[in-house]
Structure formats: structure tokens, C-alpha cells
Amino acid sequence: MKARDQLRAGKNFKLRDDDAGGKPLRGNGNGNNNGDSKSAIKQEERELTLQLTDRIAVLQEMLYARRQRKVLLVLQGMDTSGKDGTITALFNRINPMGLRAVGFKAPSAAELAHDFLWRIHQQVPGGGEIVIFNRSHYEDVLITVVQGLIDEPECKRRYQHILDFERMLTDTGTVIVKVFLHISKEEQRERLQARLDDPDKQWKFDANDLIQRKKWDEYSHAYQRAIVATDTDHAPWYVIPANSKTHRNLLMSTLLLQILEDLDLSFPQPDPGLSRLKVE
């Protein structure tokens, strides 16, 4: 089974903490690889990820050279789920030409004066680009719901607006890959504590994370609803078990490589006339 089929959320998706520790690409799936040590397994996953990202780099160059198709990678997840780390692992070997990462924070006054998709549409990829959204338009049906900023009818309207928006993007040549990085509540606790305990990582800590953590169940419910409501064949959701960082990166690189390979990319046909030119 292809990773894109195995990781697809689907309309029956249920968000469960226990699934965050899954390792579907490790041997028999329960974390045991013929008795290898945990450190050896993680090192193997790092090496496999590097091999896959090297292939992704070649395909990204083909995508950029053609300037026809576009790829939008949407990354969502609870705080500390690894969005920044995923971007680094997938794209640190890729030519930055044709690649953009966009992080969406709280909307400005000017953005609030427009519809919620206005600021999003300005950042979608052009021909030949891969654009990564670190958080996205989905925040407008997540935090707004949990914080009580919109009511149920408005939430459902926004789901429909998102469906229409993503259909328009795919109809005009954009491949949309939506990923939920799934960590457990206990894994989040450990990662937040690690930030506090390491002076070199304390800059990553935000006291608001502790406030939002108290609403874990509400966010989990909002995510499950949003994923089920907006999972479509043209803009599918994929759920990546992300408690293990190395396995997360391996899953993400496997998924993205399969999606790019399915685009049947190639370099533009050479111009026969150029072969006769001589540079003096």
C-alpha cells in the first residue's frame, strides 16, 4: 500500500492519542526492527530520509524548470508537533529557488478587515513553486472555534469556503497536500518541558502554549471535525504519527516523494538550435 493511501485521513477519521506513536514504516509496525537498538533504527531512518529528500530535490528542480504545476504543502498540528522540524528535514537539501515557507500568525488589523482567505490567497504558489504553509487557513476553523470567536453556522460556512477555495486552486494547477502532524498530549508535555530545561531552547517557549494545552480536548475535537469536513480527493488530508521525529520525517519524505513522482515530472525538452551554439 502506498503511503498516500495508508496515511489518508478519510471521512471516518478519529483523532486518538494512541495513534500518535505509530511507526508504520518500521518493520512490523510496532517499533521492532529485527532486534536493532532504538538508536540504530533512528539512524537508519535518518539515512533513508536523506536518500528520499535527494530524490525530492531532483523532482523539485524539474517542477521549477517547467513552471507549470504548483505544490502547496499545508502543515497543521498541536503546539510542538514539529512543523518547523519537518520543513527543515524535508527541504534543507533543496535549492531555495522555487521554494517558499510561509508562517501565519494572528491576523493583522488589515487582514481582519478582509475575508479570512484574503491573506492566504496572496501566498499560494505560482507556477513551478513549492510553498509550505506553517499553519494556514485552517486556523480560522480551529482556534476561532475553541475560543468561541465564531458560532456553529459560521464554522460550517467557513468549511464550505475552504472547500470552494481549494477546488479553485486545484482546478488551476495546484497540487494540495494537507498534513496533520499528530502528537500525543504526553509527548507535548515532554517537549514543552525540554524547552524549559534547556537554556538554548527557552527562546522557543511561549507561556501561551500552557494556556492552550489546557484546551487539548477542545482542539482535538476541532481538528477532527475540520479534517473530516474538508478531506477531499482533490485536496486530501494525511495524518502523520509524529511522536517519533525521525519516523515523522521518513513518513513525510515518503509521502511527498510519491506525490511528486505521480506528477510525471521531467525537464523541458532541449532546444536543438542551442547545441550548435559556440560560446566565444
C-alpha atoms as a PDB file:
ATOM      1  CA  MET A   1       0.000   0.000   0.000  1.00  0.00           C
ATOM      2  CA  LYS A   2       1.285   3.445  -0.923  1.00  0.00           C
ATOM      3  CA  ALA A   3       1.994   5.904   1.884  1.00  0.00           C
ATOM      4  CA  ARG A   4      -0.546   8.330   0.451  1.00  0.00           C
ATOM      5  CA  ASP A   5      -3.236   5.651   0.809  1.00  0.00           C
ATOM      6  CA  GLN A   6      -2.020   4.426   4.187  1.00  0.00           C
ATOM      7  CA  LEU A   7      -1.853   7.918   5.704  1.00  0.00           C
ATOM      8  CA  ARG A   8      -5.037   9.348   4.191  1.00  0.00           C
ATOM      9  CA  ALA A   9      -7.435  10.597   6.872  1.00  0.00           C
ATOM     10  CA  GLY A  10     -10.725   9.846   5.117  1.00  0.00           C
ATOM     11  CA  LYS A  11     -14.268  10.567   6.218  1.00  0.00           C
ATOM     12  CA  ASN A  12     -14.163   8.072   9.104  1.00  0.00           C
ATOM     13  CA  PHE A  13     -11.107   9.669  10.707  1.00  0.00           C
ATOM     14  CA  LYS A  14     -10.923   9.618  14.503  1.00  0.00           C
ATOM     15  CA  LEU A  15      -8.202  11.538  16.330  1.00  0.00           C
ATOM     16  CA  ARG A  16      -6.776   9.283  19.053  1.00  0.00           C
ATOM     17  CA  ASP A  17      -3.740   9.915  21.243  1.00  0.00           C
ATOM     18  CA  ASP A  18      -2.630   6.289  20.930  1.00  0.00           C
ATOM     19  CA  ASP A  19      -2.171   6.641  17.162  1.00  0.00           C
ATOM     20  CA  ALA A  20       0.440   9.395  17.571  1.00  0.00           C
ATOM     21  CA  GLY A  21       3.091   6.811  18.428  1.00  0.00           C
ATOM     22  CA  GLY A  22       2.544   4.693  15.342  1.00  0.00           C
ATOM     23  CA  LYS A  23       5.532   3.748  13.180  1.00  0.00           C
ATOM     24  CA  PRO A  24       4.041   2.177  10.051  1.00  0.00           C
ATOM     25  CA  LEU A  25       7.341   2.060   8.145  1.00  0.00           C
ATOM     26  CA  ARG A  26       9.304   0.293  10.905  1.00  0.00           C
ATOM     27  CA  GLY A  27       9.434  -3.399  10.225  1.00  0.00           C
ATOM     28  CA  ASN A  28       6.305  -4.957  11.679  1.00  0.00           C
ATOM     29  CA  GLY A  29       4.929  -1.554  12.690  1.00  0.00           C
ATOM     30  CA  ASN A  30       5.452  -1.797  16.447  1.00  0.00           C
ATOM     31  CA  GLY A  31       8.927  -0.288  16.605  1.00  0.00           C
ATOM     32  CA  ASN A  32      10.949  -3.509  16.442  1.00  0.00           C
ATOM     33  CA  ASN A  33      13.325  -3.958  13.535  1.00  0.00           C
ATOM     34  CA  ASN A  34      14.784  -7.452  13.977  1.00  0.00           C
ATOM     35  CA  GLY A  35      16.092  -6.588  17.430  1.00  0.00           C
ATOM     36  CA  ASP A  36      18.025  -3.492  16.320  1.00  0.00           C
ATOM     37  CA  SER A  37      18.650  -0.905  19.007  1.00  0.00           C
ATOM     38  CA  LYS A  38      16.498   2.205  19.122  1.00  0.00           C
ATOM     39  CA  SER A  39      19.463   4.418  18.212  1.00  0.00           C
ATOM     40  CA  ALA A  40      20.339   2.199  15.229  1.00  0.00           C
ATOM     41  CA  ILE A  41      16.751   2.337  13.971  1.00  0.00           C
ATOM     42  CA  LYS A  42      16.669   6.120  14.256  1.00  0.00           C
ATOM     43  CA  GLN A  43      19.967   6.409  12.392  1.00  0.00           C
ATOM     44  CA  GLU A  44      18.635   4.176   9.631  1.00  0.00           C
ATOM     45  CA  GLU A  45      15.546   6.376   9.378  1.00  0.00           C
ATOM     46  CA  ARG A  46      17.721   9.486   9.076  1.00  0.00           C
ATOM     47  CA  GLU A  47      19.743   7.885   6.273  1.00  0.00           C
ATOM     48  CA  LEU A  48      16.612   6.754   4.418  1.00  0.00           C
ATOM     49  CA  THR A  49      15.130  10.234   4.753  1.00  0.00           C
ATOM     50  CA  LEU A  50      18.268  11.761   3.222  1.00  0.00           C
ATOM     51  CA  GLN A  51      18.020   9.392   0.257  1.00  0.00           C
ATOM     52  CA  LEU A  52      14.383  10.329  -0.304  1.00  0.00           C
ATOM     53  CA  THR A  53      14.987  14.061   0.031  1.00  0.00           C
ATOM     54  CA  ASP A  54      17.785  13.831  -2.550  1.00  0.00           C
ATOM     55  CA  ARG A  55      15.215  12.436  -4.991  1.00  0.00           C
ATOM     56  CA  ILE A  56      12.707  15.115  -3.967  1.00  0.00           C
ATOM     57  CA  ALA A  57      15.342  17.742  -4.767  1.00  0.00           C
ATOM     58  CA  VAL A  58      15.663  16.459  -8.342  1.00  0.00           C
ATOM     59  CA  LEU A  59      11.901  16.450  -8.846  1.00  0.00           C
ATOM     60  CA  GLN A  60      11.600  19.932  -7.361  1.00  0.00           C
ATOM     61  CA  GLU A  61      14.138  21.173  -9.910  1.00  0.00           C
ATOM     62  CA  MET A  62      12.045  19.634 -12.693  1.00  0.00           C
ATOM     63  CA  LEU A  63       8.918  21.275 -11.277  1.00  0.00           C
ATOM     64  CA  TYR A  64      10.681  24.645 -11.190  1.00  0.00           C
ATOM     65  CA  ALA A  65      12.122  24.256 -14.684  1.00  0.00           C
ATOM     66  CA  ARG A  66       8.715  23.533 -16.207  1.00  0.00           C
ATOM     67  CA  ARG A  67       6.892  26.357 -14.346  1.00  0.00           C
ATOM     68  CA  GLN A  68       3.543  24.645 -14.957  1.00  0.00           C
ATOM     69  CA  ARG A  69       2.422  22.710 -11.882  1.00  0.00           C
ATOM     70  CA  LYS A  70       2.380  24.114  -8.348  1.00  0.00           C
ATOM     71  CA  VAL A  71       2.526  22.369  -4.978  1.00  0.00           C
ATOM     72  CA  LEU A  72       1.017  23.629  -1.723  1.00  0.00           C
ATOM     73  CA  LEU A  73       2.030  21.744   1.425  1.00  0.00           C
ATOM     74  CA  VAL A  74      -0.148  22.637   4.419  1.00  0.00           C
ATOM     75  CA  LEU A  75       1.274  21.712   7.826  1.00  0.00           C
ATOM     76  CA  GLN A  76      -1.015  21.741  10.850  1.00  0.00           C
ATOM     77  CA  GLY A  77      -0.622  20.290  14.319  1.00  0.00           C
ATOM     78  CA  MET A  78      -0.743  20.997  18.013  1.00  0.00           C
ATOM     79  CA  ASP A  79       1.964  23.204  19.531  1.00  0.00           C
ATOM     80  CA  THR A  80       5.368  21.406  19.465  1.00  0.00           C
ATOM     81  CA  SER A  81       4.136  18.894  16.858  1.00  0.00           C
ATOM     82  CA  GLY A  82       7.230  19.563  14.739  1.00  0.00           C
ATOM     83  CA  LYS A  83       6.164  21.812  11.874  1.00  0.00           C
ATOM     84  CA  ASP A  84       9.477  23.698  11.801  1.00  0.00           C
ATOM     85  CA  GLY A  85      11.499  20.499  12.139  1.00  0.00           C
ATOM     86  CA  THR A  86       9.560  18.865   9.325  1.00  0.00           C
ATOM     87  CA  ILE A  87      10.283  21.777   6.984  1.00  0.00           C
ATOM     88  CA  THR A  88      13.996  21.617   7.811  1.00  0.00           C
ATOM     89  CA  ALA A  89      14.198  17.847   7.328  1.00  0.00           C
ATOM     90  CA  LEU A  90      12.337  17.825   4.004  1.00  0.00           C
ATOM     91  CA  PHE A  91      13.809  20.845   2.303  1.00  0.00           C
ATOM     92  CA  ASN A  92      17.292  21.546   3.681  1.00  0.00           C
ATOM     93  CA  ARG A  93      18.885  19.859   0.641  1.00  0.00           C
ATOM     94  CA  ILE A  94      16.695  21.635  -1.895  1.00  0.00           C
ATOM     95  CA  ASN A  95      17.598  24.671  -3.991  1.00  0.00           C
ATOM     96  CA  PRO A  96      15.686  27.576  -2.401  1.00  0.00           C
ATOM     97  CA  MET A  97      14.714  28.834  -5.862  1.00  0.00           C
ATOM     98  CA  GLY A  98      11.112  27.807  -6.329  1.00  0.00           C
ATOM     99  CA  LEU A  99      10.598  27.116  -2.622  1.00  0.00           C
ATOM    100  CA  ARG A 100       8.833  29.283  -0.033  1.00  0.00           C
ATOM    101  CA  ALA A 101       7.791  28.729   3.567  1.00  0.00           C
ATOM    102  CA  VAL A 102       5.022  30.930   4.940  1.00  0.00           C
ATOM    103  CA  GLY A 103       4.144  31.122   8.617  1.00  0.00           C
ATOM    104  CA  PHE A 104       0.727  32.500   9.511  1.00  0.00           C
ATOM    105  CA  LYS A 105       0.445  34.294  12.846  1.00  0.00           C
ATOM    106  CA  ALA A 106      -2.505  36.128  14.387  1.00  0.00           C
ATOM    107  CA  PRO A 107      -4.108  38.289  11.658  1.00  0.00           C
ATOM    108  CA  SER A 108      -3.294  41.977  11.491  1.00  0.00           C
ATOM    109  CA  ALA A 109      -5.917  44.740  11.556  1.00  0.00           C
ATOM    110  CA  ALA A 110      -5.717  45.000   7.757  1.00  0.00           C
ATOM    111  CA  GLU A 111      -6.188  41.238   7.378  1.00  0.00           C
ATOM    112  CA  LEU A 112      -9.144  41.233   9.766  1.00  0.00           C
ATOM    113  CA  ALA A 113     -10.792  43.885   7.592  1.00  0.00           C
ATOM    114  CA  HIS A 114     -10.992  41.318   4.764  1.00  0.00           C
ATOM    115  CA  ASP A 115     -12.404  37.804   4.488  1.00  0.00           C
ATOM    116  CA  PHE A 116     -10.353  35.132   6.258  1.00  0.00           C
ATOM    117  CA  LEU A 117      -8.982  33.709   2.996  1.00  0.00           C
ATOM    118  CA  TRP A 118      -7.705  37.054   1.676  1.00  0.00           C
ATOM    119  CA  ARG A 119      -4.261  36.814   3.262  1.00  0.00           C
ATOM    120  CA  ILE A 120      -3.996  33.123   2.356  1.00  0.00           C
ATOM    121  CA  HIS A 121      -4.655  33.627  -1.348  1.00  0.00           C
ATOM    122  CA  GLN A 122      -1.770  36.080  -1.599  1.00  0.00           C
ATOM    123  CA  GLN A 123       0.692  33.380  -0.574  1.00  0.00           C
ATOM    124  CA  VAL A 124      -0.355  30.389  -2.707  1.00  0.00           C
ATOM    125  CA  PRO A 125       2.291  29.005  -5.090  1.00  0.00           C
ATOM    126  CA  GLY A 126       2.910  30.264  -8.590  1.00  0.00           C
ATOM    127  CA  GLY A 127       3.993  28.075 -11.491  1.00  0.00           C
ATOM    128  CA  GLY A 128       6.947  25.860 -10.566  1.00  0.00           C
ATOM    129  CA  GLU A 129       6.808  26.662  -6.855  1.00  0.00           C
ATOM    130  CA  ILE A 130       6.524  24.532  -3.761  1.00  0.00           C
ATOM    131  CA  VAL A 131       5.027  26.587  -0.933  1.00  0.00           C
ATOM    132  CA  ILE A 132       4.815  25.328   2.630  1.00  0.00           C
ATOM    133  CA  PHE A 133       2.174  26.781   4.934  1.00  0.00           C
ATOM    134  CA  ASN A 134       3.292  26.569   8.579  1.00  0.00           C
ATOM    135  CA  ARG A 135      -0.245  26.861   9.930  1.00  0.00           C
ATOM    136  CA  SER A 136      -2.817  28.042   7.435  1.00  0.00           C
ATOM    137  CA  HIS A 137      -6.407  28.986   6.677  1.00  0.00           C
ATOM    138  CA  TYR A 138      -7.404  26.093   8.934  1.00  0.00           C
ATOM    139  CA  GLU A 139      -6.586  28.202  11.986  1.00  0.00           C
ATOM    140  CA  ASP A 140      -9.790  30.062  11.145  1.00  0.00           C
ATOM    141  CA  VAL A 141     -11.854  26.946  11.887  1.00  0.00           C
ATOM    142  CA  LEU A 142      -9.706  25.788  14.817  1.00  0.00           C
ATOM    143  CA  ILE A 143      -8.653  28.493  17.268  1.00  0.00           C
ATOM    144  CA  THR A 144     -11.690  30.596  16.372  1.00  0.00           C
ATOM    145  CA  VAL A 145     -13.950  27.676  17.295  1.00  0.00           C
ATOM    146  CA  VAL A 146     -12.136  26.741  20.506  1.00  0.00           C
ATOM    147  CA  GLN A 147     -12.006  30.373  21.647  1.00  0.00           C
ATOM    148  CA  GLY A 148     -15.664  30.914  20.816  1.00  0.00           C
ATOM    149  CA  LEU A 149     -14.934  33.630  18.246  1.00  0.00           C
ATOM    150  CA  ILE A 150     -17.314  32.132  15.670  1.00  0.00           C
ATOM    151  CA  ASP A 151     -20.540  30.194  16.086  1.00  0.00           C
ATOM    152  CA  GLU A 152     -21.556  26.865  14.535  1.00  0.00           C
ATOM    153  CA  PRO A 153     -23.271  28.315  11.412  1.00  0.00           C
ATOM    154  CA  GLU A 154     -20.207  30.466  10.677  1.00  0.00           C
ATOM    155  CA  CYS A 155     -17.900  27.473  11.150  1.00  0.00           C
ATOM    156  CA  LYS A 156     -19.888  25.470   8.608  1.00  0.00           C
ATOM    157  CA  ARG A 157     -19.822  28.409   6.177  1.00  0.00           C
ATOM    158  CA  ARG A 158     -16.059  28.561   6.516  1.00  0.00           C
ATOM    159  CA  TYR A 159     -15.739  24.850   5.817  1.00  0.00           C
ATOM    160  CA  GLN A 160     -17.604  25.445   2.568  1.00  0.00           C
ATOM    161  CA  HIS A 161     -15.487  28.479   1.717  1.00  0.00           C
ATOM    162  CA  ILE A 162     -12.362  26.373   2.237  1.00  0.00           C
ATOM    163  CA  LEU A 163     -13.717  23.591   0.026  1.00  0.00           C
ATOM    164  CA  ASP A 164     -14.508  26.091  -2.743  1.00  0.00           C
ATOM    165  CA  PHE A 165     -11.135  27.829  -2.370  1.00  0.00           C
ATOM    166  CA  GLU A 166      -9.179  24.581  -2.569  1.00  0.00           C
ATOM    167  CA  ARG A 167     -11.219  23.399  -5.549  1.00  0.00           C
ATOM    168  CA  MET A 168     -10.356  26.628  -7.356  1.00  0.00           C
ATOM    169  CA  LEU A 169      -6.656  26.133  -6.612  1.00  0.00           C
ATOM    170  CA  THR A 170      -6.604  22.551  -7.844  1.00  0.00           C
ATOM    171  CA  ASP A 171      -8.603  23.467 -10.960  1.00  0.00           C
ATOM    172  CA  THR A 172      -5.846  25.948 -11.838  1.00  0.00           C
ATOM    173  CA  GLY A 173      -2.931  23.522 -11.463  1.00  0.00           C
ATOM    174  CA  THR A 174      -2.106  23.434  -7.749  1.00  0.00           C
ATOM    175  CA  VAL A 175      -1.454  20.102  -6.036  1.00  0.00           C
ATOM    176  CA  ILE A 176      -2.590  20.426  -2.419  1.00  0.00           C
ATOM    177  CA  VAL A 177      -1.059  18.246   0.290  1.00  0.00           C
ATOM    178  CA  LYS A 178      -2.606  18.794   3.734  1.00  0.00           C
ATOM    179  CA  VAL A 179      -0.807  17.194   6.666  1.00  0.00           C
ATOM    180  CA  PHE A 180      -1.753  16.911  10.317  1.00  0.00           C
ATOM    181  CA  LEU A 181       1.305  16.171  12.461  1.00  0.00           C
ATOM    182  CA  HIS A 182      -0.149  14.038  15.220  1.00  0.00           C
ATOM    183  CA  ILE A 183       1.490  14.032  18.662  1.00  0.00           C
ATOM    184  CA  SER A 184       0.056  12.825  21.961  1.00  0.00           C
ATOM    185  CA  LYS A 185      -0.653  15.033  24.958  1.00  0.00           C
ATOM    186  CA  GLU A 186       2.134  13.329  26.905  1.00  0.00           C
ATOM    187  CA  GLU A 187       4.616  13.887  24.060  1.00  0.00           C
ATOM    188  CA  GLN A 188       3.708  17.573  24.039  1.00  0.00           C
ATOM    189  CA  ARG A 189       4.305  17.756  27.797  1.00  0.00           C
ATOM    190  CA  GLU A 190       7.773  16.260  27.369  1.00  0.00           C
ATOM    191  CA  ARG A 191       8.674  18.635  24.546  1.00  0.00           C
ATOM    192  CA  LEU A 192       7.484  21.719  26.423  1.00  0.00           C
ATOM    193  CA  GLN A 193       9.429  20.631  29.500  1.00  0.00           C
ATOM    194  CA  ALA A 194      12.536  20.037  27.377  1.00  0.00           C
ATOM    195  CA  ARG A 195      12.321  23.622  26.137  1.00  0.00           C
ATOM    196  CA  LEU A 196      12.127  24.910  29.682  1.00  0.00           C
ATOM    197  CA  ASP A 197      15.017  22.747  30.874  1.00  0.00           C
ATOM    198  CA  ASP A 198      17.416  23.718  28.063  1.00  0.00           C
ATOM    199  CA  PRO A 199      18.623  27.351  28.204  1.00  0.00           C
ATOM    200  CA  ASP A 200      19.411  27.232  24.488  1.00  0.00           C
ATOM    201  CA  LYS A 201      15.824  26.270  23.681  1.00  0.00           C
ATOM    202  CA  GLN A 202      13.952  28.511  26.085  1.00  0.00           C
ATOM    203  CA  TRP A 203      13.515  31.080  23.304  1.00  0.00           C
ATOM    204  CA  LYS A 204      11.077  28.614  21.721  1.00  0.00           C
ATOM    205  CA  PHE A 205       8.876  28.540  24.822  1.00  0.00           C
ATOM    206  CA  ASP A 206       5.679  30.581  24.826  1.00  0.00           C
ATOM    207  CA  ALA A 207       3.683  30.786  28.041  1.00  0.00           C
ATOM    208  CA  ASN A 208       0.520  30.824  25.932  1.00  0.00           C
ATOM    209  CA  ASP A 209       1.287  27.202  24.991  1.00  0.00           C
ATOM    210  CA  LEU A 210       0.441  26.209  28.564  1.00  0.00           C
ATOM    211  CA  ILE A 211      -2.874  28.038  28.357  1.00  0.00           C
ATOM    212  CA  GLN A 212      -3.784  26.373  25.076  1.00  0.00           C
ATOM    213  CA  ARG A 213      -2.648  22.986  26.411  1.00  0.00           C
ATOM    214  CA  LYS A 214      -5.481  23.100  28.949  1.00  0.00           C
ATOM    215  CA  LYS A 215      -7.857  23.001  25.978  1.00  0.00           C
ATOM    216  CA  TRP A 216      -6.293  19.904  24.426  1.00  0.00           C
ATOM    217  CA  ASP A 217      -9.585  18.029  24.160  1.00  0.00           C
ATOM    218  CA  GLU A 218     -11.344  21.001  22.556  1.00  0.00           C
ATOM    219  CA  TYR A 219      -8.577  21.403  19.970  1.00  0.00           C
ATOM    220  CA  SER A 220      -8.579  17.670  19.257  1.00  0.00           C
ATOM    221  CA  HIS A 221     -12.314  17.786  18.598  1.00  0.00           C
ATOM    222  CA  ALA A 222     -11.959  20.883  16.385  1.00  0.00           C
ATOM    223  CA  TYR A 223      -9.184  19.236  14.371  1.00  0.00           C
ATOM    224  CA  GLN A 224     -11.142  16.031  13.885  1.00  0.00           C
ATOM    225  CA  ARG A 225     -14.208  17.934  12.685  1.00  0.00           C
ATOM    226  CA  ALA A 226     -12.219  20.158  10.320  1.00  0.00           C
ATOM    227  CA  ILE A 227     -10.262  17.257   8.806  1.00  0.00           C
ATOM    228  CA  VAL A 228     -13.370  15.170   8.192  1.00  0.00           C
ATOM    229  CA  ALA A 229     -15.298  18.140   6.770  1.00  0.00           C
ATOM    230  CA  THR A 230     -12.555  19.177   4.324  1.00  0.00           C
ATOM    231  CA  ASP A 231     -10.926  15.904   3.273  1.00  0.00           C
ATOM    232  CA  THR A 232     -11.486  15.554  -0.487  1.00  0.00           C
ATOM    233  CA  ASP A 233      -9.851  13.605  -3.282  1.00  0.00           C
ATOM    234  CA  HIS A 234      -8.520  16.803  -4.853  1.00  0.00           C
ATOM    235  CA  ALA A 235      -7.237  18.202  -1.525  1.00  0.00           C
ATOM    236  CA  PRO A 236      -6.761  15.238   0.835  1.00  0.00           C
ATOM    237  CA  TRP A 237      -5.690  15.247   4.458  1.00  0.00           C
ATOM    238  CA  TYR A 238      -2.855  12.989   5.587  1.00  0.00           C
ATOM    239  CA  VAL A 239      -2.248  12.148   9.252  1.00  0.00           C
ATOM    240  CA  ILE A 240       1.408  11.655  10.204  1.00  0.00           C
ATOM    241  CA  PRO A 241       2.180   9.969  13.562  1.00  0.00           C
ATOM    242  CA  ALA A 242       4.736  12.422  14.930  1.00  0.00           C
ATOM    243  CA  ASN A 243       5.796  11.312  18.409  1.00  0.00           C
ATOM    244  CA  SER A 244       8.988   9.978  16.785  1.00  0.00           C
ATOM    245  CA  LYS A 245      10.752  12.797  14.948  1.00  0.00           C
ATOM    246  CA  THR A 246      12.879  10.539  12.767  1.00  0.00           C
ATOM    247  CA  HIS A 247       9.908   8.395  11.749  1.00  0.00           C
ATOM    248  CA  ARG A 248       7.825  11.513  11.143  1.00  0.00           C
ATOM    249  CA  ASN A 249      10.458  12.797   8.735  1.00  0.00           C
ATOM    250  CA  LEU A 250      10.673   9.437   6.988  1.00  0.00           C
ATOM    251  CA  LEU A 251       6.893   9.333   6.558  1.00  0.00           C
ATOM    252  CA  MET A 252       6.771  12.906   5.287  1.00  0.00           C
ATOM    253  CA  SER A 253       9.575  12.411   2.761  1.00  0.00           C
ATOM    254  CA  THR A 254       7.995   9.147   1.564  1.00  0.00           C
ATOM    255  CA  LEU A 255       4.618  10.822   1.132  1.00  0.00           C
ATOM    256  CA  LEU A 256       5.931  13.896  -0.665  1.00  0.00           C
ATOM    257  CA  LEU A 257       8.139  11.829  -2.970  1.00  0.00           C
ATOM    258  CA  GLN A 258       5.191   9.662  -4.021  1.00  0.00           C
ATOM    259  CA  ILE A 259       3.065  12.714  -4.733  1.00  0.00           C
ATOM    260  CA  LEU A 260       5.789  14.355  -6.840  1.00  0.00           C
ATOM    261  CA  GLU A 261       6.510  11.116  -8.704  1.00  0.00           C
ATOM    262  CA  ASP A 262       2.820  10.822  -9.588  1.00  0.00           C
ATOM    263  CA  LEU A 263       3.082  14.184 -11.382  1.00  0.00           C
ATOM    264  CA  ASP A 264       5.317  12.520 -14.011  1.00  0.00           C
ATOM    265  CA  LEU A 265       7.746  15.440 -13.970  1.00  0.00           C
ATOM    266  CA  SER A 266      10.620  15.913 -16.405  1.00  0.00           C
ATOM    267  CA  PHE A 267      12.979  18.625 -17.565  1.00  0.00           C
ATOM    268  CA  PRO A 268      11.863  20.716 -20.573  1.00  0.00           C
ATOM    269  CA  GLN A 269      12.782  19.352 -23.991  1.00  0.00           C
ATOM    270  CA  PRO A 270      16.171  20.687 -25.131  1.00  0.00           C
ATOM    271  CA  ASP A 271      16.282  23.231 -27.943  1.00  0.00           C
ATOM    272  CA  PRO A 272      18.116  21.608 -30.932  1.00  0.00           C
ATOM    273  CA  GLY A 273      19.357  25.008 -32.031  1.00  0.00           C
ATOM    274  CA  LEU A 274      21.244  25.592 -28.810  1.00  0.00           C
ATOM    275  CA  SER A 275      23.500  22.575 -29.397  1.00  0.00           C
ATOM    276  CA  ARG A 276      25.022  24.343 -32.402  1.00  0.00           C
ATOM    277  CA  LEU A 277      25.930  27.485 -30.483  1.00  0.00           C
ATOM    278  CA  LYS A 278      29.548  28.060 -29.536  1.00  0.00           C
ATOM    279  CA  VAL A 279      30.497  30.364 -26.685  1.00  0.00           C
ATOM    280  CA  GLU A 280      33.478  32.518 -27.627  1.00  0.00           C
END
